[in-house]
PDB file of all heavy atoms in Angstrom:
ATOM      1  N   VAL A   1      95.157  75.184  89.503  1.00  0.00           N
ATOM      2  CA  VAL A   1      95.996  74.087  89.020  1.00  0.00           C
ATOM      3  C   VAL A   1      95.141  72.858  88.709  1.00  0.00           C
ATOM      4  O   VAL A   1      95.469  72.085  87.801  1.00  0.00           O
ATOM      5  CB  VAL A   1      97.093  73.757  90.049  1.00  0.00           C
ATOM      6  CG1 VAL A   1      97.858  72.495  89.668  1.00  0.00           C
ATOM      7  CG2 VAL A   1      98.054  74.933  90.190  1.00  0.00           C
ATOM      8  N   LEU A   2      94.048  72.659  89.446  1.00  0.00           N
ATOM      9  CA  LEU A   2      93.187  71.505  89.195  1.00  0.00           C
ATOM     10  C   LEU A   2      92.641  71.539  87.773  1.00  0.00           C
ATOM     11  O   LEU A   2      92.662  70.528  87.049  1.00  0.00           O
ATOM     12  CB  LEU A   2      92.043  71.482  90.214  1.00  0.00           C
ATOM     13  CG  LEU A   2      92.459  71.295  91.675  1.00  0.00           C
ATOM     14  CD1 LEU A   2      91.265  71.497  92.599  1.00  0.00           C
ATOM     15  CD2 LEU A   2      93.076  69.913  91.876  1.00  0.00           C
ATOM     16  N   ASN A   3      92.144  72.687  87.341  1.00  0.00           N
ATOM     17  CA  ASN A   3      91.638  72.803  85.972  1.00  0.00           C
ATOM     18  C   ASN A   3      92.775  72.817  84.957  1.00  0.00           C
ATOM     19  O   ASN A   3      92.608  72.338  83.829  1.00  0.00           O
ATOM     20  CB  ASN A   3      90.784  74.059  85.833  1.00  0.00           C
ATOM     21  CG  ASN A   3      89.438  73.907  86.520  1.00  0.00           C
ATOM     22  OD1 ASN A   3      88.864  72.820  86.552  1.00  0.00           O
ATOM     23  ND2 ASN A   3      88.936  75.000  87.090  1.00  0.00           N
ATOM     24  N   LEU A   4      93.929  73.358  85.345  1.00  0.00           N
ATOM     25  CA  LEU A   4      95.082  73.335  84.446  1.00  0.00           C
ATOM     26  C   LEU A   4      95.469  71.903  84.099  1.00  0.00           C
ATOM     27  O   LEU A   4      95.773  71.582  82.942  1.00  0.00           O
ATOM     28  CB  LEU A   4      96.264  74.051  85.094  1.00  0.00           C
ATOM     29  CG  LEU A   4      97.549  74.009  84.263  1.00  0.00           C
ATOM     30  CD1 LEU A   4      97.518  75.085  83.192  1.00  0.00           C
ATOM     31  CD2 LEU A   4      98.785  74.155  85.144  1.00  0.00           C
ATOM     32  N   LEU A   5      95.457  71.008  85.094  1.00  0.00           N
ATOM     33  CA  LEU A   5      95.825  69.615  84.843  1.00  0.00           C
ATOM     34  C   LEU A   5      94.877  68.969  83.844  1.00  0.00           C
ATOM     35  O   LEU A   5      95.302  68.215  82.964  1.00  0.00           O
ATOM     36  CB  LEU A   5      95.819  68.838  86.161  1.00  0.00           C
ATOM     37  CG  LEU A   5      96.882  69.231  87.181  1.00  0.00           C
ATOM     38  CD1 LEU A   5      96.680  68.474  88.487  1.00  0.00           C
ATOM     39  CD2 LEU A   5      98.297  68.981  86.641  1.00  0.00           C
ATOM     40  N   LEU A   6      93.587  69.263  83.961  1.00  0.00           N
ATOM     41  CA  LEU A   6      92.609  68.699  83.026  1.00  0.00           C
ATOM     42  C   LEU A   6      92.828  69.264  81.623  1.00  0.00           C
ATOM     43  O   LEU A   6      92.746  68.534  80.628  1.00  0.00           O
ATOM     44  CB  LEU A   6      91.196  69.005  83.519  1.00  0.00           C
ATOM     45  CG  LEU A   6      90.834  68.412  84.896  1.00  0.00           C
ATOM     46  CD1 LEU A   6      89.503  68.963  85.372  1.00  0.00           C
ATOM     47  CD2 LEU A   6      90.797  66.901  84.842  1.00  0.00           C
ATOM     48  N   TRP A   7      93.097  70.567  81.538  1.00  0.00           N
ATOM     49  CA  TRP A   7      93.367  71.192  80.237  1.00  0.00           C
ATOM     50  C   TRP A   7      94.632  70.609  79.616  1.00  0.00           C
ATOM     51  O   TRP A   7      94.669  70.290  78.426  1.00  0.00           O
ATOM     52  CB  TRP A   7      93.502  72.704  80.427  1.00  0.00           C
ATOM     53  CG  TRP A   7      93.787  73.463  79.168  1.00  0.00           C
ATOM     54  CD1 TRP A   7      92.883  73.921  78.248  1.00  0.00           C
ATOM     55  CD2 TRP A   7      95.084  73.853  78.676  1.00  0.00           C
ATOM     56  NE1 TRP A   7      93.532  74.576  77.224  1.00  0.00           N
ATOM     57  CE2 TRP A   7      94.881  74.547  77.464  1.00  0.00           C
ATOM     58  CE3 TRP A   7      96.378  73.691  79.151  1.00  0.00           C
ATOM     59  CZ2 TRP A   7      95.931  75.066  76.715  1.00  0.00           C
ATOM     60  CZ3 TRP A   7      97.435  74.204  78.408  1.00  0.00           C
ATOM     61  CH2 TRP A   7      97.202  74.889  77.208  1.00  0.00           C
ATOM     62  N   ALA A   8      95.678  70.463  80.416  1.00  0.00           N
ATOM     63  CA  ALA A   8      96.945  69.937  79.906  1.00  0.00           C
ATOM     64  C   ALA A   8      96.804  68.495  79.445  1.00  0.00           C
ATOM     65  O   ALA A   8      97.506  68.052  78.527  1.00  0.00           O
ATOM     66  CB  ALA A   8      98.024  70.040  80.987  1.00  0.00           C
ATOM     67  N   GLN A   9      95.898  67.749  80.068  1.00  0.00           N
ATOM     68  CA  GLN A   9      95.678  66.352  79.680  1.00  0.00           C
ATOM     69  C   GLN A   9      94.956  66.249  78.344  1.00  0.00           C
ATOM     70  O   GLN A   9      94.882  65.181  77.750  1.00  0.00           O
ATOM     71  CB  GLN A   9      94.862  65.636  80.760  1.00  0.00           C
ATOM     72  CG  GLN A   9      94.819  64.128  80.643  1.00  0.00           C
ATOM     73  CD  GLN A   9      96.105  63.467  81.093  1.00  0.00           C
ATOM     74  OE1 GLN A   9      96.587  63.700  82.187  1.00  0.00           O
ATOM     75  NE2 GLN A   9      96.670  62.629  80.245  1.00  0.00           N
ATOM     76  N   GLY A  10      94.438  67.371  77.861  1.00  0.00           N
ATOM     77  CA  GLY A  10      93.765  67.369  76.568  1.00  0.00           C
ATOM     78  C   GLY A  10      92.259  67.322  76.653  1.00  0.00           C
ATOM     79  O   GLY A  10      91.583  67.105  75.647  1.00  0.00           O
ATOM     80  N   PHE A  11      91.680  67.535  77.842  1.00  0.00           N
ATOM     81  CA  PHE A  11      90.234  67.487  78.001  1.00  0.00           C
ATOM     82  C   PHE A  11      89.584  68.659  77.257  1.00  0.00           C
ATOM     83  O   PHE A  11      90.121  69.759  77.216  1.00  0.00           O
ATOM     84  CB  PHE A  11      89.854  67.580  79.472  1.00  0.00           C
ATOM     85  CG  PHE A  11      90.060  66.308  80.256  1.00  0.00           C
ATOM     86  CD1 PHE A  11      90.927  65.323  79.803  1.00  0.00           C
ATOM     87  CD2 PHE A  11      89.397  66.106  81.455  1.00  0.00           C
ATOM     88  CE1 PHE A  11      91.121  64.157  80.529  1.00  0.00           C
ATOM     89  CE2 PHE A  11      89.579  64.945  82.186  1.00  0.00           C
ATOM     90  CZ  PHE A  11      90.443  63.962  81.729  1.00  0.00           C
ATOM     91  N   SER A  12      88.414  68.417  76.706  1.00  0.00           N
ATOM     92  CA  SER A  12      87.607  69.502  76.146  1.00  0.00           C
ATOM     93  C   SER A  12      87.039  70.341  77.287  1.00  0.00           C
ATOM     94  O   SER A  12      87.057  69.932  78.456  1.00  0.00           O
ATOM     95  CB  SER A  12      86.463  68.932  75.312  1.00  0.00           C
ATOM     96  OG  SER A  12      85.547  68.244  76.153  1.00  0.00           O
ATOM     97  N   GLY A  13      86.504  71.517  76.938  1.00  0.00           N
ATOM     98  CA  GLY A  13      85.885  72.347  77.958  1.00  0.00           C
ATOM     99  C   GLY A  13      84.709  71.653  78.614  1.00  0.00           C
ATOM    100  O   GLY A  13      84.524  71.734  79.838  1.00  0.00           O
ATOM    101  N   ARG A  14      83.917  70.973  77.812  1.00  0.00           N
ATOM    102  CA  ARG A  14      82.758  70.263  78.364  1.00  0.00           C
ATOM    103  C   ARG A  14      83.202  69.175  79.331  1.00  0.00           C
ATOM    104  O   ARG A  14      82.604  68.987  80.396  1.00  0.00           O
ATOM    105  CB  ARG A  14      81.937  69.645  77.226  1.00  0.00           C
ATOM    106  CG  ARG A  14      80.784  68.752  77.696  1.00  0.00           C
ATOM    107  CD  ARG A  14      79.664  69.555  78.321  1.00  0.00           C
ATOM    108  NE  ARG A  14      78.687  68.707  78.993  1.00  0.00           N
ATOM    109  CZ  ARG A  14      77.388  68.970  79.057  1.00  0.00           C
ATOM    110  NH1 ARG A  14      76.912  70.049  78.481  1.00  0.00           N
ATOM    111  NH2 ARG A  14      76.569  68.181  79.690  1.00  0.00           N
ATOM    112  N   ARG A  15      84.251  68.452  78.966  1.00  0.00           N
ATOM    113  CA  ARG A  15      84.697  67.370  79.839  1.00  0.00           C
ATOM    114  C   ARG A  15      85.260  67.917  81.143  1.00  0.00           C
ATOM    115  O   ARG A  15      85.069  67.325  82.212  1.00  0.00           O
ATOM    116  CB  ARG A  15      85.742  66.526  79.109  1.00  0.00           C
ATOM    117  CG  ARG A  15      86.079  65.236  79.833  1.00  0.00           C
ATOM    118  CD  ARG A  15      86.999  64.361  79.018  1.00  0.00           C
ATOM    119  NE  ARG A  15      87.379  63.174  79.775  1.00  0.00           N
ATOM    120  CZ  ARG A  15      88.321  62.326  79.403  1.00  0.00           C
ATOM    121  NH1 ARG A  15      88.963  62.511  78.256  1.00  0.00           N
ATOM    122  NH2 ARG A  15      88.624  61.267  80.147  1.00  0.00           N
ATOM    123  N   ILE A  16      85.962  69.047  81.088  1.00  0.00           N
ATOM    124  CA  ILE A  16      86.445  69.673  82.319  1.00  0.00           C
ATOM    125  C   ILE A  16      85.263  70.062  83.206  1.00  0.00           C
ATOM    126  O   ILE A  16      85.262  69.822  84.416  1.00  0.00           O
ATOM    127  CB  ILE A  16      87.307  70.910  81.994  1.00  0.00           C
ATOM    128  CG1 ILE A  16      88.589  70.492  81.261  1.00  0.00           C
ATOM    129  CG2 ILE A  16      87.649  71.691  83.262  1.00  0.00           C
ATOM    130  CD1 ILE A  16      89.398  71.650  80.709  1.00  0.00           C
ATOM    131  N   ALA A  17      84.240  70.662  82.598  1.00  0.00           N
ATOM    132  CA  ALA A  17      83.059  71.063  83.362  1.00  0.00           C
ATOM    133  C   ALA A  17      82.348  69.850  83.946  1.00  0.00           C
ATOM    134  O   ALA A  17      81.876  69.883  85.094  1.00  0.00           O
ATOM    135  CB  ALA A  17      82.115  71.867  82.472  1.00  0.00           C
ATOM    136  N   ASP A  18      82.275  68.765  83.180  1.00  0.00           N
ATOM    137  CA  ASP A  18      81.591  67.563  83.664  1.00  0.00           C
ATOM    138  C   ASP A  18      82.291  66.950  84.866  1.00  0.00           C
ATOM    139  O   ASP A  18      81.648  66.371  85.752  1.00  0.00           O
ATOM    140  CB  ASP A  18      81.480  66.530  82.545  1.00  0.00           C
ATOM    141  CG  ASP A  18      80.360  66.827  81.567  1.00  0.00           C
ATOM    142  OD1 ASP A  18      79.529  67.706  81.878  1.00  0.00           O
ATOM    143  OD2 ASP A  18      80.306  66.187  80.495  1.00  0.00           O
ATOM    144  N   VAL A  19      83.625  67.063  84.897  1.00  0.00           N
ATOM    145  CA  VAL A  19      84.363  66.571  86.064  1.00  0.00           C
ATOM    146  C   VAL A  19      83.838  67.231  87.332  1.00  0.00           C
ATOM    147  O   VAL A  19      83.616  66.572  88.353  1.00  0.00           O
ATOM    148  CB  VAL A  19      85.876  66.853  85.892  1.00  0.00           C
ATOM    149  CG1 VAL A  19      86.599  66.768  87.230  1.00  0.00           C
ATOM    150  CG2 VAL A  19      86.489  65.875  84.904  1.00  0.00           C
ATOM    151  N   TRP A  20      83.600  68.535  87.268  1.00  0.00           N
ATOM    152  CA  TRP A  20      83.135  69.258  88.451  1.00  0.00           C
ATOM    153  C   TRP A  20      81.639  69.062  88.678  1.00  0.00           C
ATOM    154  O   TRP A  20      81.177  69.119  89.825  1.00  0.00           O
ATOM    155  CB  TRP A  20      83.476  70.740  88.315  1.00  0.00           C
ATOM    156  CG  TRP A  20      84.928  70.996  88.521  1.00  0.00           C
ATOM    157  CD1 TRP A  20      85.892  71.140  87.571  1.00  0.00           C
ATOM    158  CD2 TRP A  20      85.601  71.100  89.787  1.00  0.00           C
ATOM    159  NE1 TRP A  20      87.123  71.332  88.158  1.00  0.00           N
ATOM    160  CE2 TRP A  20      86.966  71.325  89.514  1.00  0.00           C
ATOM    161  CE3 TRP A  20      85.180  71.043  91.109  1.00  0.00           C
ATOM    162  CZ2 TRP A  20      87.907  71.468  90.528  1.00  0.00           C
ATOM    163  CZ3 TRP A  20      86.109  71.202  92.124  1.00  0.00           C
ATOM    164  CH2 TRP A  20      87.458  71.424  91.823  1.00  0.00           C
ATOM    165  N   ARG A  21      80.886  68.843  87.625  1.00  0.00           N
ATOM    166  CA  ARG A  21      79.458  68.547  87.812  1.00  0.00           C
ATOM    167  C   ARG A  21      79.271  67.274  88.638  1.00  0.00           C
ATOM    168  O   ARG A  21      78.300  67.135  89.368  1.00  0.00           O
ATOM    169  CB  ARG A  21      78.767  68.389  86.457  1.00  0.00           C
ATOM    170  CG  ARG A  21      78.572  69.687  85.683  1.00  0.00           C
ATOM    171  CD  ARG A  21      77.771  69.460  84.408  1.00  0.00           C
ATOM    172  NE  ARG A  21      77.492  70.718  83.724  1.00  0.00           N
ATOM    173  CZ  ARG A  21      78.171  71.175  82.675  1.00  0.00           C
ATOM    174  NH1 ARG A  21      79.178  70.455  82.176  1.00  0.00           N
ATOM    175  NH2 ARG A  21      77.865  72.334  82.129  1.00  0.00           N
ATOM    176  N   ARG A  22      80.219  66.345  88.500  1.00  0.00           N
ATOM    177  CA  ARG A  22      80.113  65.058  89.204  1.00  0.00           C
ATOM    178  C   ARG A  22      80.877  65.048  90.520  1.00  0.00           C
ATOM    179  O   ARG A  22      80.869  64.034  91.228  1.00  0.00           O
ATOM    180  CB  ARG A  22      80.659  63.945  88.306  1.00  0.00           C
ATOM    181  CG  ARG A  22      79.950  63.823  86.972  1.00  0.00           C
ATOM    182  CD  ARG A  22      80.769  62.954  86.032  1.00  0.00           C
ATOM    183  NE  ARG A  22      80.267  63.027  84.665  1.00  0.00           N
ATOM    184  CZ  ARG A  22      80.997  62.791  83.587  1.00  0.00           C
ATOM    185  NH1 ARG A  22      82.271  62.492  83.700  1.00  0.00           N
ATOM    186  NH2 ARG A  22      80.459  62.870  82.387  1.00  0.00           N
ATOM    187  N   HIS A  23      81.583  66.134  90.825  1.00  0.00           N
ATOM    188  CA  HIS A  23      82.430  66.138  92.012  1.00  0.00           C
ATOM    189  C   HIS A  23      81.590  65.974  93.267  1.00  0.00           C
ATOM    190  O   HIS A  23      80.516  66.570  93.414  1.00  0.00           O
ATOM    191  CB  HIS A  23      83.214  67.453  92.087  1.00  0.00           C
ATOM    192  CG  HIS A  23      84.184  67.495  93.222  1.00  0.00           C
ATOM    193  ND1 HIS A  23      85.238  66.626  93.322  1.00  0.00           N
ATOM    194  CD2 HIS A  23      84.253  68.295  94.314  1.00  0.00           C
ATOM    195  CE1 HIS A  23      85.917  66.896  94.422  1.00  0.00           C
ATOM    196  NE2 HIS A  23      85.339  67.902  95.038  1.00  0.00           N
ATOM    197  N   ARG A  24      82.072  65.162  94.172  1.00  0.00           N
ATOM    198  CA  ARG A  24      81.339  64.862  95.402  1.00  0.00           C
ATOM    199  C   ARG A  24      81.833  65.747  96.541  1.00  0.00           C
ATOM    200  O   ARG A  24      83.042  65.891  96.741  1.00  0.00           O
ATOM    201  CB  ARG A  24      81.511  63.384  95.765  1.00  0.00           C
ATOM    202  CG  ARG A  24      80.936  62.456  94.702  1.00  0.00           C
ATOM    203  CD  ARG A  24      81.349  61.032  94.925  1.00  0.00           C
ATOM    204  NE  ARG A  24      80.874  60.166  93.857  1.00  0.00           N
ATOM    205  CZ  ARG A  24      81.255  58.906  93.695  1.00  0.00           C
ATOM    206  NH1 ARG A  24      82.121  58.367  94.531  1.00  0.00           N
ATOM    207  NH2 ARG A  24      80.779  58.192  92.698  1.00  0.00           N
ATOM    208  N   PRO A  25      80.929  66.314  97.302  1.00  0.00           N
ATOM    209  CA  PRO A  25      81.334  67.170  98.419  1.00  0.00           C
ATOM    210  C   PRO A  25      82.291  66.451  99.373  1.00  0.00           C
ATOM    211  O   PRO A  25      82.133  65.267  99.655  1.00  0.00           O
ATOM    212  CB  PRO A  25      79.999  67.493  99.114  1.00  0.00           C
ATOM    213  CG  PRO A  25      78.982  67.346  98.038  1.00  0.00           C
ATOM    214  CD  PRO A  25      79.467  66.233  97.165  1.00  0.00           C
ATOM    215  N   LEU A  26      83.272  67.157  99.807  1.00  0.00           N
ATOM    216  CA  LEU A  26      84.269  66.679 100.765  1.00  0.00           C
ATOM    217  C   LEU A  26      85.172  65.588 100.225  1.00  0.00           C
ATOM    218  O   LEU A  26      85.994  65.039 100.962  1.00  0.00           O
ATOM    219  CB  LEU A  26      83.591  66.190 102.062  1.00  0.00           C
ATOM    220  CG  LEU A  26      82.731  67.217 102.806  1.00  0.00           C
ATOM    221  CD1 LEU A  26      82.157  66.604 104.061  1.00  0.00           C
ATOM    222  CD2 LEU A  26      83.527  68.463 103.140  1.00  0.00           C
TER     223      LEU A  26
END
Protein backbone atom coordinates (compact mmCIF):
# COMPACT_ATOMS: atom_id res chain seq x y z
CA VAL A 1 0.00 0.00 0.00
CA LEU A 2 2.93 2.36 0.66
CA ASN A 3 4.05 2.16 -2.98
CA LEU A 4 0.44 2.19 -4.16
CA LEU A 5 -0.08 5.58 -2.51
CA LEU A 6 2.95 7.01 -4.31
CA TRP A 7 1.77 5.57 -7.64
CA ALA A 8 -1.76 6.89 -7.11
CA GLN A 9 -0.35 10.34 -6.33
CA GLY A 10 1.15 10.38 -9.81
CA PHE A 11 4.81 9.77 -8.92
CA SER A 12 7.12 8.44 -11.63
CA GLY A 13 8.89 5.15 -11.05
CA ARG A 14 12.14 6.96 -10.37
CA ARG A 15 10.52 9.23 -7.82
CA ILE A 16 8.95 6.26 -6.02
CA ALA A 17 12.36 4.58 -5.90
CA ASP A 18 14.02 7.78 -4.67
CA VAL A 19 11.58 7.97 -1.76
CA TRP A 20 12.93 4.64 -0.53
CA ARG A 21 16.55 5.49 -1.34
CA ARG A 22 16.22 8.34 1.16
CA HIS A 23 14.18 6.43 3.73
CA ARG A 24 15.69 6.52 7.20
CA PRO A 25 15.92 3.36 9.29
CA LEU A 26 13.29 3.09 12.00
